[in-house]
Amino acid sequence: MRTLIDFIPWILALPPALWELANVRGRYGWILAVCAGSIVFGGIFLWVTALQRLADVIQYAAFGVVQALLVLVVPLAATVFVAKKTGLAAGVFAGIAFGLCMFAMTAAIGIGIYGE
């Protein structure tokens, strides 16, 4: 049985995706609007899901806290920086890509330090 926690990524990802769909549809048409909305929905969904998974396995060591903060803050910062210049879909795509790089880097460092 599903709980409300299972629906949090869906609930958080849907409003920005619908906003981007409406915003892009007026300027560029339905096809690009669906692509942009899908990018926004998928990116935010992946980001929130990664945060949930990370919160489940976080260790209370300083490195675990730093990794959680990087995964929380870096995609948002990249999204805001890129979205100001282009659009929300491009910002979310860049934020998720940069966040994935940060997560991989901190995971590699964690494996090197702790061997896990």
Protein backbone atom coordinates (compact mmCIF):
# COMPACT_ATOMS: atom_id res chain seq x y z
CA MET A 1 0.00 0.00 0.00
CA ARG A 2 1.29 3.42 -0.89
CA THR A 3 1.63 6.22 1.60
CA LEU A 4 1.59 9.96 1.09
CA ILE A 5 5.40 9.98 1.18
CA ASP A 6 5.43 7.91 -2.01
CA PHE A 7 3.50 10.65 -3.81
CA ILE A 8 5.70 13.58 -2.72
CA PRO A 9 7.90 13.54 -5.87
CA TRP A 10 4.79 13.52 -8.07
CA ILE A 11 3.14 16.33 -6.11
CA LEU A 12 6.25 18.53 -6.19
CA ALA A 13 7.05 17.90 -9.87
CA LEU A 14 3.61 18.42 -11.39
CA PRO A 15 2.99 22.20 -10.83
CA PRO A 16 6.30 23.40 -12.38
CA ALA A 17 5.82 21.00 -15.30
CA LEU A 18 2.33 22.31 -15.98
CA TRP A 19 3.55 25.90 -15.70
CA GLU A 20 6.33 25.20 -18.20
CA LEU A 21 3.86 23.46 -20.51
CA ALA A 22 1.60 26.51 -20.53
CA ASN A 23 4.50 28.95 -20.84
CA VAL A 24 6.21 27.22 -23.76
CA ARG A 25 2.97 26.32 -25.55
CA GLY A 26 2.10 29.98 -26.06
CA ARG A 27 5.45 30.78 -27.62
CA TYR A 28 6.61 27.67 -29.45
CA GLY A 29 3.70 25.24 -29.85
CA TRP A 30 2.53 21.99 -28.36
CA ILE A 31 5.41 19.72 -29.38
CA LEU A 32 8.12 21.77 -27.73
CA ALA A 33 5.82 22.45 -24.77
CA VAL A 34 5.38 18.73 -24.14
CA CYS A 35 9.15 18.20 -24.39
CA ALA A 36 9.87 21.08 -21.99
CA GLY A 37 7.20 19.94 -19.54
CA SER A 38 8.55 16.40 -19.62
CA ILE A 39 12.08 17.62 -18.91
CA VAL A 40 10.87 19.71 -15.98
CA PHE A 41 8.70 16.93 -14.55
CA GLY A 42 11.35 14.25 -14.96
CA GLY A 43 14.14 16.42 -13.60
CA ILE A 44 12.29 17.52 -10.49
CA PHE A 45 10.96 13.99 -9.95
CA LEU A 46 14.48 12.54 -10.10
CA TRP A 47 15.86 15.25 -7.82
CA VAL A 48 13.21 14.74 -5.13
CA THR A 49 13.51 10.95 -5.39
CA ALA A 50 17.29 11.19 -4.99
CA LEU A 51 16.84 13.38 -1.93
CA GLN A 52 14.43 10.85 -0.43
CA ARG A 53 16.83 7.98 -1.06
CA LEU A 54 19.75 9.96 0.31
CA ALA A 55 17.78 10.86 3.44
CA ASP A 56 17.08 7.16 4.03
CA VAL A 57 20.74 6.12 3.98
CA ILE A 58 22.49 9.22 5.27
CA GLN A 59 25.04 8.63 7.93
CA TYR A 60 25.43 11.24 10.60
CA ALA A 61 29.08 11.70 9.76
CA ALA A 62 30.16 15.10 8.50
CA PHE A 63 30.77 13.76 5.00
CA GLY A 64 27.21 12.42 4.71
CA VAL A 65 25.81 15.79 5.73
CA VAL A 66 28.01 17.58 3.19
CA GLN A 67 26.92 15.18 0.46
CA ALA A 68 23.25 15.71 1.32
CA LEU A 69 23.66 19.49 1.29
CA LEU A 70 25.45 19.38 -2.07
CA VAL A 71 22.72 17.24 -3.62
CA LEU A 72 20.11 19.58 -2.15
CA VAL A 73 21.65 22.96 -3.02
CA VAL A 74 23.76 22.49 -6.18
CA PRO A 75 20.94 21.46 -8.57
CA LEU A 76 18.80 24.34 -7.32
CA ALA A 77 21.60 26.85 -7.77
CA ALA A 78 22.40 25.60 -11.27
CA THR A 79 18.70 25.63 -12.19
CA VAL A 80 18.22 29.22 -11.03
CA PHE A 81 21.42 30.39 -12.76
CA VAL A 82 20.61 28.79 -16.12
CA ALA A 83 16.84 29.42 -16.00
CA LYS A 84 17.37 33.19 -15.72
CA LYS A 85 19.15 33.22 -19.05
CA THR A 86 17.10 30.63 -20.97
CA GLY A 87 14.05 28.89 -19.52
CA LEU A 88 12.91 26.55 -16.79
CA ALA A 89 13.36 23.36 -18.84
CA ALA A 90 16.96 24.21 -19.69
CA GLY A 91 17.60 25.19 -16.08
CA VAL A 92 16.18 21.96 -14.69
CA PHE A 93 18.15 19.91 -17.23
CA ALA A 94 21.37 21.70 -16.32
CA GLY A 95 20.62 21.46 -12.61
CA ILE A 96 20.00 17.73 -12.73
CA ALA A 97 23.09 17.14 -14.86
CA PHE A 98 25.27 19.19 -12.53
CA GLY A 99 23.69 17.59 -9.47
CA LEU A 100 24.36 14.12 -10.88
CA CYS A 101 28.01 15.08 -11.39
CA MET A 102 28.23 16.38 -7.80
CA PHE A 103 26.58 13.21 -6.47
CA ALA A 104 28.96 10.97 -8.44
CA MET A 105 31.95 13.00 -7.25
CA THR A 106 30.93 12.87 -3.59
CA ALA A 107 30.06 9.17 -3.88
CA ALA A 108 33.51 8.44 -5.32
CA ILE A 109 35.13 10.42 -2.51
CA GLY A 110 32.98 8.55 0.04
CA ILE A 111 33.98 5.20 -1.42
CA GLY A 112 37.62 6.28 -1.28
CA ILE A 113 37.36 7.39 2.35
CA TYR A 114 35.02 4.84 3.87
CA GLY A 115 35.30 1.95 1.41
CA GLU A 116 31.50 1.74 1.06
